Amino acid sequence: MAKPRSSKSTRSKKSKLPVVVPPSSNRLSKQWRQSLLPYQREIYSKARGLDQVALYMEQGTGKTHTTLALLERWLAEDTNPILVVAPLTACELIWRPVLDQLGHPYVLTHPEGLAKLESQICKQDWLACVVDEAHQYKNPQSKRSKRLSKLAFIPRKVILTGTPLEKDPLDLWAQFRFLKPELLGAKWTDFKAAYLEKCGFMGYDLRIREDRMRRYLKAIHPYIFEVRRKDVLDVRSKRVIVRVDMSPDQARVYQELDEQLIAEYNEGLITAAMAATKLIKLHQIAGGFVYDDQGETLMLGDAKAQRMLKYLDRKCVVFCRYNSEIEGLHRFLTKRGYPVALLTGSTPREDRPKIVNRFNVSKEQILIAQIRVGGISLNLQSAARAIFYSLPMSRTDFEQARARLLRYGQESFVDFILLLTRDSVDEYVYDLLKSKGRVSDLVFDYFKRKKK
């Protein structure tokens, strides 16, 4: 068990930690606690006696606000800074403004920034650590998850996510390795020996043993506070599936790659990684936009794009998975006079808040967003329609994206339009999302169906 450090700071004066010190006048007594909604106040009253809290509150239910109420309570206990680790987009759009209002010294960083600051962070004493979108650390073998576990010494911690697990309760172990390592053990090998058993094809997968499941859940239960959107928010929505056909040229290119993929699989030459790569290429072809060898965007077919025009009669967000689609759609829509804004991984950090704010105050603008960027930690409830031009291969990413519109304060009926190309990998991806399966399931199920 990691021992809490003393309240006296040991950080060197030469440390380069980017500590922000907002004016203490920013702080208003109990401002966050006093503005909690009833269900948030109930969580706060139960969690305030704990130093480690897991807020598994679905997107749009106010987990950030609830976290700030908990931080506000801890402010009087010492003057050490607060550490917040959040996705890059959320840092500037969500956390920096509210931390400035909190009026207490803080360090705000993202997972990649955490890698650069790791050594300095481990030498600093902290009031508390907040980890937003904690599900991103669920893989215990990933570098980011191992890096986060080194911060378990921080005495007060809050983890937040609306999608704590994708399929298996095992997803929670790495989150609790950081939050409260003494519960289940801080070493993967010890936890594996005590709780897990082999399963799946050739025993390559792991799952929690049936005779250990109750013990596992009982250990973490006191620290988990769960809120489901359907239980506390009156936000109505519907999902519309729209299927389109490929153009002849698009179908020819798709079939050639598809046949090559299956041929290689039948000959035993293709690995799962290679198969996943080629399935991604098929996914892109089904969308109609791909890159050529020179990196230029080619339009193989515009069936999806043309059908999408039908649903642009109101302000909406268009979610895409691939850069080729984003570039192709941007050109396709601007030529037709639509006002379009882009939000992608290459959008400069300082520009993202401006883009989102302009979109939220605009009446007609269309926002094309890359799912991994626009689908996390943003408030896009000014739109009442989202079009999934392509689907992610993760149910977590899909639910995160939907939640950008399904939030407290959303007064409109929300439409989710899913564009699927017939007889393509689009339909397999949709089946994967419905079944809450994994990408590996998609790869091998694809082969099984194609061979029949």
Protein backbone atom coordinates (compact mmCIF):
# COMPACT_ATOMS: atom_id res chain seq x y z
CA MET A 1 0.00 0.00 0.00
CA ALA A 2 1.35 3.38 -0.97
CA LYS A 3 1.63 5.70 2.04
CA PRO A 4 0.28 9.25 1.77
CA ARG A 5 3.02 11.84 1.69
CA SER A 6 3.39 14.55 4.26
CA SER A 7 1.70 17.90 3.68
CA LYS A 8 5.09 19.61 3.44
CA SER A 9 6.07 19.94 -0.22
CA THR A 10 9.30 18.28 -1.35
CA ARG A 11 9.28 19.72 -4.85
CA SER A 12 12.49 21.39 -5.97
CA LYS A 13 12.40 25.08 -6.79
CA LYS A 14 13.80 24.13 -10.23
CA SER A 15 10.83 21.92 -11.01
CA LYS A 16 9.20 22.69 -14.33
CA LEU A 17 5.73 21.54 -13.35
CA PRO A 18 3.23 23.92 -14.99
CA VAL A 19 1.42 24.84 -11.78
CA VAL A 20 -1.36 27.36 -12.38
CA VAL A 21 -2.20 29.60 -9.41
CA PRO A 22 -5.58 31.30 -9.98
CA PRO A 23 -6.47 34.32 -7.85
CA SER A 24 -7.94 33.14 -4.56
CA SER A 25 -10.65 35.76 -5.10
CA ASN A 26 -12.05 33.44 -7.79
CA ARG A 27 -13.17 31.06 -5.09
CA LEU A 28 -16.74 31.39 -3.90
CA SER A 29 -17.71 29.59 -0.71
CA LYS A 30 -19.42 26.28 -1.48
CA GLN A 31 -20.40 27.39 -5.02
CA TRP A 32 -20.19 23.89 -6.48
CA ARG A 33 -21.85 22.14 -3.55
CA GLN A 34 -24.73 24.57 -3.45
CA SER A 35 -25.57 24.13 -7.13
CA LEU A 36 -25.70 20.32 -7.18
CA LEU A 37 -28.82 18.70 -8.55
CA PRO A 38 -30.68 16.38 -6.15
CA TYR A 39 -29.15 13.14 -7.45
CA GLN A 40 -25.68 14.74 -7.52
CA ARG A 41 -26.17 15.96 -3.97
CA GLU A 42 -27.06 12.42 -2.89
CA ILE A 43 -23.81 11.12 -4.38
CA TYR A 44 -21.83 13.92 -2.77
CA SER A 45 -23.29 13.21 0.67
CA LYS A 46 -22.29 9.55 0.41
CA ALA A 47 -18.85 10.13 -1.14
CA ARG A 48 -17.61 13.08 0.91
CA GLY A 49 -16.35 10.81 3.68
CA LEU A 50 -14.10 8.92 1.24
CA ASP A 51 -10.67 9.87 -0.08
CA GLN A 52 -10.97 7.63 -3.15
CA VAL A 53 -14.07 7.89 -5.34
CA ALA A 54 -15.09 6.34 -8.67
CA LEU A 55 -17.80 8.44 -10.34
CA TYR A 56 -19.27 6.12 -12.95
CA MET A 57 -21.85 8.63 -14.11
CA GLU A 58 -23.05 8.46 -17.69
CA GLN A 59 -22.18 11.37 -19.93
CA GLY A 60 -24.30 14.45 -19.45
CA THR A 61 -25.27 13.69 -15.83
CA GLY A 62 -22.76 16.11 -14.27
CA LYS A 63 -19.80 14.07 -13.09
CA THR A 64 -17.48 17.07 -13.54
CA HIS A 65 -19.71 19.22 -11.33
CA THR A 66 -19.88 16.49 -8.69
CA THR A 67 -16.09 16.14 -8.75
CA LEU A 68 -15.65 19.88 -8.21
CA ALA A 69 -17.93 19.71 -5.19
CA LEU A 70 -15.69 17.00 -3.71
CA LEU A 71 -12.54 19.01 -4.49
CA GLU A 72 -14.10 22.07 -2.93
CA ARG A 73 -14.54 20.16 0.32
CA TRP A 74 -10.86 19.15 0.36
CA LEU A 75 -9.46 22.64 -0.28
CA ALA A 76 -9.21 23.53 3.41
CA GLU A 77 -7.09 20.47 4.22
CA ASP A 78 -3.78 21.69 2.70
CA THR A 79 -2.37 24.05 0.10
CA ASN A 80 -0.78 21.51 -2.24
CA PRO A 81 -1.94 21.68 -5.86
CA ILE A 82 -4.56 19.56 -7.56
CA LEU A 83 -3.53 17.31 -10.46
CA VAL A 84 -6.08 16.74 -13.22
CA VAL A 85 -5.45 14.32 -16.09
CA ALA A 86 -8.00 14.58 -18.89
CA PRO A 87 -8.22 14.07 -22.68
CA LEU A 88 -6.55 16.87 -24.60
CA THR A 89 -9.78 18.41 -25.86
CA ALA A 90 -11.39 18.34 -22.41
CA CYS A 91 -8.41 20.11 -20.81
CA GLU A 92 -9.14 23.46 -22.44
CA LEU A 93 -12.86 23.17 -23.08
CA ILE A 94 -13.96 21.84 -19.70
CA TRP A 95 -11.35 21.64 -16.98
CA ARG A 96 -9.29 24.82 -17.22
CA PRO A 97 -12.27 27.21 -16.89
CA VAL A 98 -13.74 25.41 -13.87
CA LEU A 99 -10.36 24.94 -12.15
CA ASP A 100 -9.73 28.67 -12.51
CA GLN A 101 -13.07 29.25 -10.81
CA LEU A 102 -12.09 26.85 -8.03
CA GLY A 103 -9.30 29.29 -7.12
CA HIS A 104 -6.73 26.68 -6.00
CA PRO A 105 -3.31 25.87 -7.52
CA TYR A 106 -3.52 23.09 -10.09
CA VAL A 107 -1.68 21.20 -12.83
CA LEU A 108 -3.76 20.24 -15.84
CA THR A 109 -2.39 17.72 -18.32
CA HIS A 110 -3.43 15.00 -20.75
CA PRO A 111 -2.18 11.38 -21.00
CA GLU A 112 0.65 12.28 -23.38
CA GLY A 113 1.65 15.22 -21.20
CA LEU A 114 1.64 12.93 -18.18
CA ALA A 115 4.43 10.93 -19.80
CA LYS A 116 6.61 14.04 -20.03
CA LEU A 117 5.86 15.23 -16.50
CA GLU A 118 5.95 11.85 -14.76
CA SER A 119 9.22 12.29 -12.84
CA GLN A 120 8.32 15.78 -11.59
CA ILE A 121 4.81 14.71 -10.63
CA CYS A 122 6.13 11.84 -8.54
CA LYS A 123 8.33 14.28 -6.55
CA GLN A 124 5.46 16.66 -5.77
CA ASP A 125 2.95 16.50 -2.93
CA TRP A 126 -0.64 16.82 -4.06
CA LEU A 127 -3.95 17.72 -2.52
CA ALA A 128 -5.79 15.39 -4.90
CA CYS A 129 -5.69 13.81 -8.35
CA VAL A 130 -8.61 13.67 -10.80
CA VAL A 131 -8.55 11.33 -13.80
CA ASP A 132 -11.20 12.04 -16.42
CA GLU A 133 -12.32 9.34 -18.89
CA ALA A 134 -10.73 6.69 -16.67
CA HIS A 135 -11.86 3.88 -19.00
CA GLN A 136 -8.96 4.85 -21.27
CA TYR A 137 -6.64 3.23 -18.70
CA LYS A 138 -8.45 -0.11 -18.45
CA ASN A 139 -5.73 -2.12 -20.21
CA PRO A 140 -3.33 -3.00 -17.37
CA GLN A 141 -0.49 -3.71 -19.80
CA SER A 142 -0.64 -0.37 -21.61
CA LYS A 143 2.01 2.27 -20.96
CA ARG A 144 -0.53 4.91 -19.98
CA SER A 145 -2.16 2.59 -17.45
CA LYS A 146 1.17 1.63 -15.88
CA ARG A 147 2.18 5.28 -15.78
CA LEU A 148 -1.03 6.22 -14.00
CA SER A 149 -0.53 3.48 -11.42
CA LYS A 150 2.66 5.23 -10.29
CA LEU A 151 0.49 8.08 -9.00
CA ALA A 152 -1.31 5.84 -6.52
CA PHE A 153 0.63 7.55 -3.71
CA ILE A 154 -1.60 10.64 -4.01
CA PRO A 155 -3.90 10.46 -0.96
CA ARG A 156 -7.15 11.76 -2.48
CA LYS A 157 -8.27 10.57 -5.88
CA VAL A 158 -11.34 10.74 -8.11
CA ILE A 159 -11.78 8.80 -11.34
CA LEU A 160 -14.57 9.72 -13.76
CA THR A 161 -16.10 7.96 -16.72
CA GLY A 162 -19.52 7.30 -18.13
CA THR A 163 -18.33 4.05 -19.74
CA PRO A 164 -16.26 2.28 -17.05
CA LEU A 165 -16.28 -1.07 -18.80
CA GLU A 166 -16.94 -2.19 -22.34
CA LYS A 167 -17.71 -5.85 -21.84
CA ASP A 168 -16.11 -7.39 -18.77
CA PRO A 169 -15.81 -6.38 -15.07
CA LEU A 170 -12.11 -7.09 -15.49
CA ASP A 171 -11.89 -3.64 -17.14
CA LEU A 172 -12.16 -2.08 -13.68
CA TRP A 173 -9.01 -3.61 -12.18
CA ALA A 174 -6.50 -1.20 -13.76
CA GLN A 175 -8.64 1.76 -12.71
CA PHE A 176 -8.59 0.55 -9.11
CA ARG A 177 -4.88 -0.21 -9.27
CA PHE A 178 -4.54 3.56 -9.37
CA LEU A 179 -7.51 4.50 -7.20
CA LYS A 180 -7.00 2.10 -4.29
CA PRO A 181 -4.31 -0.50 -5.02
CA GLU A 182 -4.56 -2.28 -1.68
CA LEU A 183 -8.06 -3.54 -2.51
CA LEU A 184 -7.12 -6.01 -5.22
CA GLY A 185 -3.35 -5.80 -5.31
CA ALA A 186 -1.11 -3.49 -7.26
CA LYS A 187 0.66 -6.23 -9.26
CA TRP A 188 -1.01 -7.77 -12.27
CA THR A 189 0.67 -11.15 -11.74
CA ASP A 190 -0.67 -11.43 -8.17
CA PHE A 191 -4.16 -10.39 -9.20
CA LYS A 192 -4.11 -12.77 -12.15
CA ALA A 193 -3.12 -15.72 -9.95
CA ALA A 194 -5.75 -14.93 -7.31
CA TYR A 195 -8.75 -13.96 -9.45
CA LEU A 196 -8.44 -14.98 -13.10
CA GLU A 197 -8.77 -18.04 -15.30
CA LYS A 198 -8.08 -18.68 -18.96
CA CYS A 199 -10.93 -18.72 -21.46
CA GLY A 200 -11.70 -18.21 -25.13
CA PHE A 201 -9.92 -19.59 -28.16
CA MET A 202 -6.81 -21.55 -27.13
CA GLY A 203 -7.09 -20.00 -23.67
CA TYR A 204 -5.75 -16.65 -24.89
CA ASP A 205 -8.38 -14.62 -23.05
CA LEU A 206 -8.80 -14.11 -19.32
CA ARG A 207 -11.86 -13.68 -17.15
CA ILE A 208 -12.63 -13.40 -13.47
CA ARG A 209 -13.24 -16.78 -11.90
CA GLU A 210 -16.85 -17.40 -10.98
CA ASP A 211 -15.95 -18.19 -7.37
CA ARG A 212 -14.04 -14.88 -7.12
CA MET A 213 -16.54 -12.56 -8.81
CA ARG A 214 -18.56 -11.78 -5.68
CA ARG A 215 -15.38 -11.04 -3.72
CA TYR A 216 -14.09 -8.81 -6.52
CA LEU A 217 -17.27 -6.75 -6.81
CA LYS A 218 -17.73 -6.52 -3.04
CA ALA A 219 -14.25 -5.04 -2.65
CA ILE A 220 -14.76 -2.18 -5.11
CA HIS A 221 -18.45 -1.51 -4.53
CA PRO A 222 -18.10 1.00 -1.62
CA TYR A 223 -16.09 3.38 -3.82
CA ILE A 224 -18.31 3.29 -6.92
CA PHE A 225 -21.11 5.78 -7.49
CA GLU A 226 -23.13 5.07 -10.63
CA VAL A 227 -25.69 7.22 -12.40
CA ARG A 228 -27.52 6.23 -15.56
CA ARG A 229 -28.79 8.93 -17.85
CA LYS A 230 -32.20 7.30 -18.32
CA ASP A 231 -32.81 7.39 -14.56
CA VAL A 232 -32.19 11.11 -14.03
CA LEU A 233 -32.61 12.94 -17.35
CA ASP A 234 -35.67 13.34 -19.52
CA VAL A 235 -33.89 13.32 -22.88
CA ARG A 236 -35.62 11.53 -25.74
CA SER A 237 -33.88 10.16 -28.80
CA LYS A 238 -34.24 7.71 -31.65
CA ARG A 239 -31.84 5.81 -33.88
CA VAL A 240 -32.43 5.70 -37.64
CA ILE A 241 -30.58 3.18 -39.81
CA VAL A 242 -30.11 4.35 -43.41
CA ARG A 243 -28.66 1.87 -45.90
CA VAL A 244 -27.13 2.87 -49.22
CA ASP A 245 -25.65 1.03 -52.22
CA MET A 246 -22.13 1.38 -53.58
CA SER A 247 -21.45 2.86 -56.97
CA PRO A 248 -20.21 0.36 -59.60
CA ASP A 249 -16.59 1.55 -59.36
CA GLN A 250 -16.73 1.58 -55.57
CA ALA A 251 -18.18 -1.96 -55.52
CA ARG A 252 -15.45 -3.20 -57.90
CA VAL A 253 -12.63 -1.83 -55.71
CA TYR A 254 -14.30 -3.21 -52.60
CA GLN A 255 -14.74 -6.67 -54.11
CA GLU A 256 -11.13 -6.85 -55.33
CA LEU A 257 -9.75 -6.09 -51.86
CA ASP A 258 -12.32 -8.34 -50.20
CA GLU A 259 -11.43 -11.31 -52.42
CA GLN A 260 -7.72 -10.74 -51.83
CA LEU A 261 -8.31 -10.69 -48.09
CA ILE A 262 -10.29 -13.92 -48.07
CA ALA A 263 -7.82 -15.61 -50.41
CA GLU A 264 -4.92 -14.75 -48.15
CA TYR A 265 -6.87 -15.97 -45.13
CA ASN A 266 -7.69 -19.31 -46.79
CA GLU A 267 -4.01 -19.80 -47.65
CA GLY A 268 -3.02 -19.17 -44.04
CA LEU A 269 -0.91 -16.11 -44.89
CA ILE A 270 -2.77 -13.45 -42.97
CA THR A 271 -2.51 -12.55 -39.29
CA ALA A 272 -5.21 -10.96 -37.15
CA ALA A 273 -3.33 -7.66 -37.27
CA MET A 274 -3.12 -7.79 -41.05
CA ALA A 275 -6.79 -8.72 -41.27
CA ALA A 276 -7.80 -5.80 -39.06
CA THR A 277 -5.76 -3.43 -41.26
CA LYS A 278 -7.46 -4.64 -44.42
CA LEU A 279 -10.89 -4.53 -42.81
CA ILE A 280 -10.21 -0.89 -41.99
CA LYS A 281 -9.42 -0.28 -45.66
CA LEU A 282 -12.69 -1.99 -46.63
CA HIS A 283 -14.45 0.22 -44.10
CA GLN A 284 -12.99 3.30 -45.79
CA ILE A 285 -13.95 2.11 -49.27
CA ALA A 286 -17.52 1.54 -48.04
CA GLY A 287 -17.58 5.20 -47.03
CA GLY A 288 -16.53 6.32 -50.50
CA PHE A 289 -13.36 8.25 -49.62
CA VAL A 290 -9.82 6.84 -49.52
CA TYR A 291 -6.26 8.12 -49.83
CA ASP A 292 -4.24 7.32 -52.93
CA ASP A 293 -0.49 6.57 -52.87
CA GLN A 294 0.29 10.30 -52.92
CA GLY A 295 -1.93 11.00 -49.91
CA GLU A 296 -4.66 12.69 -51.94
CA THR A 297 -8.31 12.02 -51.09
CA LEU A 298 -10.16 10.08 -53.78
CA MET A 299 -13.94 9.78 -54.02
CA LEU A 300 -14.82 6.24 -55.06
CA GLY A 301 -18.55 6.80 -54.62
CA ASP A 302 -20.82 9.48 -53.20
CA ALA A 303 -23.89 7.40 -52.25
CA LYS A 304 -23.42 7.99 -48.52
CA ALA A 305 -22.61 11.65 -48.96
CA GLN A 306 -25.61 12.21 -51.23
CA ARG A 307 -27.96 10.44 -48.82
CA MET A 308 -26.54 12.48 -45.94
CA LEU A 309 -27.75 15.69 -47.63
CA LYS A 310 -31.31 14.68 -46.83
CA TYR A 311 -30.58 15.01 -43.10
CA LEU A 312 -28.86 18.38 -43.16
CA ASP A 313 -32.10 20.33 -42.80
CA ARG A 314 -31.15 21.19 -39.22
CA LYS A 315 -28.04 21.89 -37.21
CA CYS A 316 -26.11 18.66 -36.73
CA VAL A 317 -22.85 16.93 -35.93
CA VAL A 318 -21.35 14.51 -38.46
CA PHE A 319 -19.13 11.90 -36.82
CA CYS A 320 -16.45 10.25 -38.96
CA ARG A 321 -13.78 7.76 -38.11
CA TYR A 322 -11.27 8.43 -40.89
CA ASN A 323 -9.40 11.54 -42.03
CA SER A 324 -10.06 10.70 -45.68
CA GLU A 325 -13.81 10.90 -45.01
CA ILE A 326 -13.47 14.19 -43.14
CA GLU A 327 -11.46 15.79 -45.93
CA GLY A 328 -13.75 14.39 -48.63
CA LEU A 329 -16.96 15.44 -46.88
CA HIS A 330 -15.59 18.90 -46.15
CA ARG A 331 -14.91 19.43 -49.85
CA PHE A 332 -18.24 17.83 -50.82
CA LEU A 333 -20.30 20.06 -48.51
CA THR A 334 -18.47 23.36 -48.98
CA LYS A 335 -18.91 23.05 -52.76
CA ARG A 336 -22.65 22.93 -52.10
CA GLY A 337 -22.60 25.98 -49.89
CA TYR A 338 -22.95 24.38 -46.47
CA PRO A 339 -21.21 26.16 -43.55
CA VAL A 340 -18.87 23.52 -42.14
CA ALA A 341 -16.50 23.43 -39.18
CA LEU A 342 -13.92 20.68 -38.59
CA LEU A 343 -12.72 19.11 -35.35
CA THR A 344 -9.99 16.50 -35.79
CA GLY A 345 -6.88 15.22 -34.11
CA SER A 346 -4.84 17.74 -36.10
CA THR A 347 -6.92 20.71 -34.93
CA PRO A 348 -4.61 22.87 -32.75
CA ARG A 349 -5.40 22.60 -29.06
CA GLU A 350 -5.93 26.33 -28.66
CA ASP A 351 -8.46 26.38 -31.52
CA ARG A 352 -10.73 23.60 -30.26
CA PRO A 353 -12.66 25.63 -27.64
CA LYS A 354 -13.26 28.38 -30.20
CA ILE A 355 -14.60 25.90 -32.78
CA VAL A 356 -16.97 24.25 -30.30
CA ASN A 357 -18.16 27.58 -28.90
CA ARG A 358 -18.83 28.98 -32.39
CA PHE A 359 -20.76 25.85 -33.28
CA ASN A 360 -22.86 26.03 -30.11
CA VAL A 361 -23.94 29.63 -30.74
CA SER A 362 -24.49 29.12 -34.49
CA LYS A 363 -27.95 28.29 -35.80
CA GLU A 364 -27.03 26.47 -39.01
CA GLN A 365 -23.44 25.32 -38.92
CA ILE A 366 -22.48 21.69 -39.49
CA LEU A 367 -19.67 20.25 -37.38
CA ILE A 368 -17.69 17.37 -38.87
CA ALA A 369 -15.90 15.70 -35.97
CA GLN A 370 -13.48 12.82 -35.76
CA ILE A 371 -15.07 10.38 -33.32
CA ARG A 372 -12.04 10.07 -31.03
CA VAL A 373 -11.84 13.90 -30.74
CA GLY A 374 -15.40 15.19 -30.96
CA GLY A 375 -16.82 12.19 -29.17
CA ILE A 376 -15.10 12.75 -25.83
CA SER A 377 -15.80 15.29 -23.08
CA LEU A 378 -17.53 17.86 -25.28
CA ASN A 379 -20.92 19.51 -24.87
CA LEU A 380 -22.65 19.58 -28.26
CA GLN A 381 -26.24 19.70 -27.02
CA SER A 382 -26.96 22.77 -29.16
CA ALA A 383 -27.44 20.21 -31.96
CA ALA A 384 -30.39 17.85 -31.98
CA ARG A 385 -29.10 15.52 -34.68
CA ALA A 386 -25.95 13.49 -35.13
CA ILE A 387 -25.03 11.61 -38.29
CA PHE A 388 -22.61 8.71 -38.01
CA TYR A 389 -21.05 8.71 -41.46
CA SER A 390 -18.87 5.83 -40.27
CA LEU A 391 -19.07 3.88 -37.03
CA PRO A 392 -16.28 3.30 -34.52
CA MET A 393 -15.26 -0.28 -33.77
CA SER A 394 -15.77 0.29 -30.07
CA ARG A 395 -19.11 0.52 -28.31
CA THR A 396 -17.48 2.81 -25.75
CA ASP A 397 -16.51 5.30 -28.48
CA PHE A 398 -20.01 5.04 -29.96
CA GLU A 399 -21.75 5.74 -26.64
CA GLN A 400 -19.31 8.55 -25.85
CA ALA A 401 -20.13 10.23 -29.15
CA ARG A 402 -23.90 9.88 -28.67
CA ALA A 403 -23.58 11.39 -25.20
CA ARG A 404 -22.26 14.67 -26.61
CA LEU A 405 -25.89 15.50 -27.48
CA LEU A 406 -27.70 13.58 -24.71
CA ARG A 407 -26.93 15.90 -21.83
CA TYR A 408 -28.63 17.77 -19.00
CA GLY A 409 -30.35 20.76 -20.53
CA GLN A 410 -31.06 19.10 -23.88
CA GLU A 411 -34.66 20.08 -24.63
CA SER A 412 -34.97 18.76 -28.19
CA PHE A 413 -35.76 15.30 -29.44
CA VAL A 414 -32.42 13.92 -30.65
CA ASP A 415 -31.99 11.95 -33.89
CA PHE A 416 -29.06 9.63 -34.49
CA ILE A 417 -28.68 8.77 -38.18
CA LEU A 418 -26.44 5.78 -38.92
CA LEU A 419 -25.36 5.53 -42.57
CA LEU A 420 -24.52 1.94 -43.56
CA THR A 421 -23.36 0.69 -46.95
CA ARG A 422 -25.16 -2.53 -47.92
CA ASP A 423 -23.21 -5.77 -48.18
CA SER A 424 -20.12 -4.22 -46.64
CA VAL A 425 -18.09 -4.26 -43.46
CA ASP A 426 -20.34 -1.40 -42.26
CA GLU A 427 -22.96 -3.98 -41.34
CA TYR A 428 -20.45 -6.13 -39.45
CA VAL A 429 -19.31 -3.11 -37.44
CA TYR A 430 -22.91 -2.29 -36.56
CA ASP A 431 -23.48 -5.89 -35.44
CA LEU A 432 -20.36 -5.62 -33.30
CA LEU A 433 -21.68 -2.51 -31.56
CA LYS A 434 -25.07 -4.11 -30.93
CA SER A 435 -23.49 -7.23 -29.46
CA LYS A 436 -20.93 -5.27 -27.38
CA GLY A 437 -18.22 -7.39 -28.95
CA ARG A 438 -14.54 -6.71 -29.56
CA VAL A 439 -12.64 -5.84 -32.73
CA SER A 440 -11.09 -9.32 -32.74
CA ASP A 441 -14.63 -10.74 -32.77
CA LEU A 442 -15.36 -8.64 -35.84
CA VAL A 443 -12.26 -9.89 -37.68
CA PHE A 444 -12.85 -13.59 -37.17
CA ASP A 445 -16.63 -13.43 -37.51
CA TYR A 446 -16.13 -11.68 -40.84
CA PHE A 447 -14.05 -14.60 -42.11
CA LYS A 448 -16.53 -17.19 -40.86
CA ARG A 449 -19.46 -15.55 -42.62
CA LYS A 450 -17.58 -14.97 -45.87
CA LYS A 451 -16.50 -18.61 -46.07
CA LYS A 452 -20.07 -19.91 -45.82
